[in-house]
Each structure stands twice: as structure tokens, then as C-alpha cells.
């Protein structure tokens, strides 16, 4: 599986504040990658990576919320392999 960049992962985490919502669906999160298919694919990989590590919480039906660990990563401006919720 492709690895999304740290910058894109942080952009995905920042979408919650940018859109002012506690939960976002995958289609809203796709905005972090732009309008092209490759950008959306990279966002998908970023969301999967973030959810697997507990930085995003899955809410069902393709909805996600920012976890406390995700908020901390966003504040610090760093998302690393070792981050976990």
C-alpha cells in the first residue's frame, strides 16, 4: 500500500477545524487531496493510516472524528509511525 505524506496526514487532521465539524465523512476528507483521482487516493491511504493508529476514530458509514491523539498530533504538527491512540 502507498504511504501518504506527513503533510497530507496533517492536512486531513486539520479538515475538522477547517470545516468546523466534529465528524466528517470520507467525501469531505477527500477535499484535503484536491480534485484529482490520485489526490483522493492518497487521502484514502492517509485516512486509513490515521484510523489504524487511533488518530481518527471511525464512526461508521464512512464518518470519522478526530481523537485526542489526533488533536495532539495536529497541535504538535507531527504525525509519525509511532503515534498511537
C-alpha atoms as a PDB file:
ATOM      1  CA  UNK A   1       0.000   0.000   0.000  1.00  0.00           C
ATOM      2  CA  UNK A   2       1.198   3.514  -0.769  1.00  0.00           C
ATOM      3  CA  UNK A   3       2.259   5.740   2.094  1.00  0.00           C
ATOM      4  CA  UNK A   4       0.686   9.200   2.298  1.00  0.00           C
ATOM      5  CA  UNK A   5       2.980  12.078   3.216  1.00  0.00           C
ATOM      6  CA  UNK A   6       3.098  13.514   6.706  1.00  0.00           C
ATOM      7  CA  UNK A   7       1.888  16.839   5.313  1.00  0.00           C
ATOM      8  CA  UNK A   8      -1.206  15.232   3.815  1.00  0.00           C
ATOM      9  CA  UNK A   9      -1.918  13.361   7.046  1.00  0.00           C
ATOM     10  CA  UNK A  10      -1.779  16.649   8.959  1.00  0.00           C
ATOM     11  CA  UNK A  11      -3.994  18.275   6.324  1.00  0.00           C
ATOM     12  CA  UNK A  12      -6.583  15.504   6.814  1.00  0.00           C
ATOM     13  CA  UNK A  13      -6.483  16.043  10.590  1.00  0.00           C
ATOM     14  CA  UNK A  14      -6.869  19.786  10.059  1.00  0.00           C
ATOM     15  CA  UNK A  15     -10.015  19.383   7.961  1.00  0.00           C
ATOM     16  CA  UNK A  16     -12.128  19.062  11.121  1.00  0.00           C
ATOM     17  CA  UNK A  17     -11.181  22.560  12.274  1.00  0.00           C
ATOM     18  CA  UNK A  18     -11.249  23.943   8.741  1.00  0.00           C
ATOM     19  CA  UNK A  19     -14.818  22.752   8.177  1.00  0.00           C
ATOM     20  CA  UNK A  20     -15.854  23.350  11.809  1.00  0.00           C
ATOM     21  CA  UNK A  21     -17.380  19.908  12.317  1.00  0.00           C
ATOM     22  CA  UNK A  22     -16.759  17.215  14.951  1.00  0.00           C
ATOM     23  CA  UNK A  23     -17.353  14.434  12.382  1.00  0.00           C
ATOM     24  CA  UNK A  24     -16.567  14.317   8.684  1.00  0.00           C
ATOM     25  CA  UNK A  25     -17.378  11.754   6.058  1.00  0.00           C
ATOM     26  CA  UNK A  26     -14.797  10.395   3.681  1.00  0.00           C
ATOM     27  CA  UNK A  27     -16.046  12.600   0.839  1.00  0.00           C
ATOM     28  CA  UNK A  28     -15.446  15.735   2.927  1.00  0.00           C
ATOM     29  CA  UNK A  29     -11.983  14.472   3.835  1.00  0.00           C
ATOM     30  CA  UNK A  30     -11.215  13.961   0.140  1.00  0.00           C
ATOM     31  CA  UNK A  31     -11.083  17.765  -0.126  1.00  0.00           C
ATOM     32  CA  UNK A  32      -7.675  17.577   1.590  1.00  0.00           C
ATOM     33  CA  UNK A  33      -6.256  15.975  -1.550  1.00  0.00           C
ATOM     34  CA  UNK A  34      -7.762  18.204  -4.191  1.00  0.00           C
ATOM     35  CA  UNK A  35      -9.979  17.275  -7.085  1.00  0.00           C
ATOM     36  CA  UNK A  36      -7.921  14.682  -8.928  1.00  0.00           C
ATOM     37  CA  UNK A  37      -8.217  10.926  -8.553  1.00  0.00           C
ATOM     38  CA  UNK A  38      -4.619  10.484  -7.348  1.00  0.00           C
ATOM     39  CA  UNK A  39      -5.112  13.091  -4.606  1.00  0.00           C
ATOM     40  CA  UNK A  40      -8.261  11.349  -3.399  1.00  0.00           C
ATOM     41  CA  UNK A  41      -6.460   8.022  -3.418  1.00  0.00           C
ATOM     42  CA  UNK A  42      -3.700   9.495  -1.254  1.00  0.00           C
ATOM     43  CA  UNK A  43      -6.305  10.889   1.154  1.00  0.00           C
ATOM     44  CA  UNK A  44      -7.872   7.442   1.393  1.00  0.00           C
ATOM     45  CA  UNK A  45      -4.482   5.967   2.364  1.00  0.00           C
ATOM     46  CA  UNK A  46      -3.920   8.793   4.867  1.00  0.00           C
ATOM     47  CA  UNK A  47      -7.330   8.258   6.493  1.00  0.00           C
ATOM     48  CA  UNK A  48      -6.709   4.517   6.725  1.00  0.00           C
ATOM     49  CA  UNK A  49      -3.258   5.101   8.279  1.00  0.00           C
ATOM     50  CA  UNK A  50      -4.616   7.649  10.772  1.00  0.00           C
ATOM     51  CA  UNK A  51      -7.543   5.426  11.781  1.00  0.00           C
ATOM     52  CA  UNK A  52      -5.310   2.373  12.250  1.00  0.00           C
ATOM     53  CA  UNK A  53      -3.166   4.384  14.661  1.00  0.00           C
ATOM     54  CA  UNK A  54      -6.039   5.899  16.611  1.00  0.00           C
ATOM     55  CA  UNK A  55      -5.598   9.468  15.372  1.00  0.00           C
ATOM     56  CA  UNK A  56      -9.009   9.288  13.723  1.00  0.00           C
ATOM     57  CA  UNK A  57     -11.958   7.416  15.213  1.00  0.00           C
ATOM     58  CA  UNK A  58     -14.244   5.545  12.851  1.00  0.00           C
ATOM     59  CA  UNK A  59     -17.896   6.447  13.428  1.00  0.00           C
ATOM     60  CA  UNK A  60     -19.443   4.123  10.848  1.00  0.00           C
ATOM     61  CA  UNK A  61     -20.817   4.762   7.354  1.00  0.00           C
ATOM     62  CA  UNK A  62     -17.518   6.380   6.287  1.00  0.00           C
ATOM     63  CA  UNK A  63     -17.677   9.026   9.051  1.00  0.00           C
ATOM     64  CA  UNK A  64     -14.649   9.873  11.168  1.00  0.00           C
ATOM     65  CA  UNK A  65     -13.882  12.085  14.144  1.00  0.00           C
ATOM     66  CA  UNK A  66     -10.626  13.452  15.479  1.00  0.00           C
ATOM     67  CA  UNK A  67      -9.348  11.569  18.532  1.00  0.00           C
ATOM     68  CA  UNK A  68      -7.431  13.173  21.402  1.00  0.00           C
ATOM     69  CA  UNK A  69      -4.237  11.715  19.898  1.00  0.00           C
ATOM     70  CA  UNK A  70      -5.160  13.243  16.551  1.00  0.00           C
ATOM     71  CA  UNK A  71      -5.684  16.654  18.158  1.00  0.00           C
ATOM     72  CA  UNK A  72      -2.290  16.390  19.848  1.00  0.00           C
ATOM     73  CA  UNK A  73      -0.591  15.416  16.584  1.00  0.00           C
ATOM     74  CA  UNK A  74      -2.225  18.379  14.887  1.00  0.00           C
ATOM     75  CA  UNK A  75      -1.103  20.746  17.673  1.00  0.00           C
ATOM     76  CA  UNK A  76       2.453  19.439  17.514  1.00  0.00           C
ATOM     77  CA  UNK A  77       2.498  19.486  13.721  1.00  0.00           C
ATOM     78  CA  UNK A  78       3.935  15.972  13.659  1.00  0.00           C
ATOM     79  CA  UNK A  79       2.488  12.612  12.693  1.00  0.00           C
ATOM     80  CA  UNK A  80       4.880   9.700  12.989  1.00  0.00           C
ATOM     81  CA  UNK A  81       4.751   5.943  12.611  1.00  0.00           C
ATOM     82  CA  UNK A  82       4.956   5.535  16.387  1.00  0.00           C
ATOM     83  CA  UNK A  83       1.906   7.707  17.091  1.00  0.00           C
ATOM     84  CA  UNK A  84      -0.957   5.752  18.573  1.00  0.00           C
ATOM     85  CA  UNK A  85      -4.164   6.462  20.390  1.00  0.00           C
END
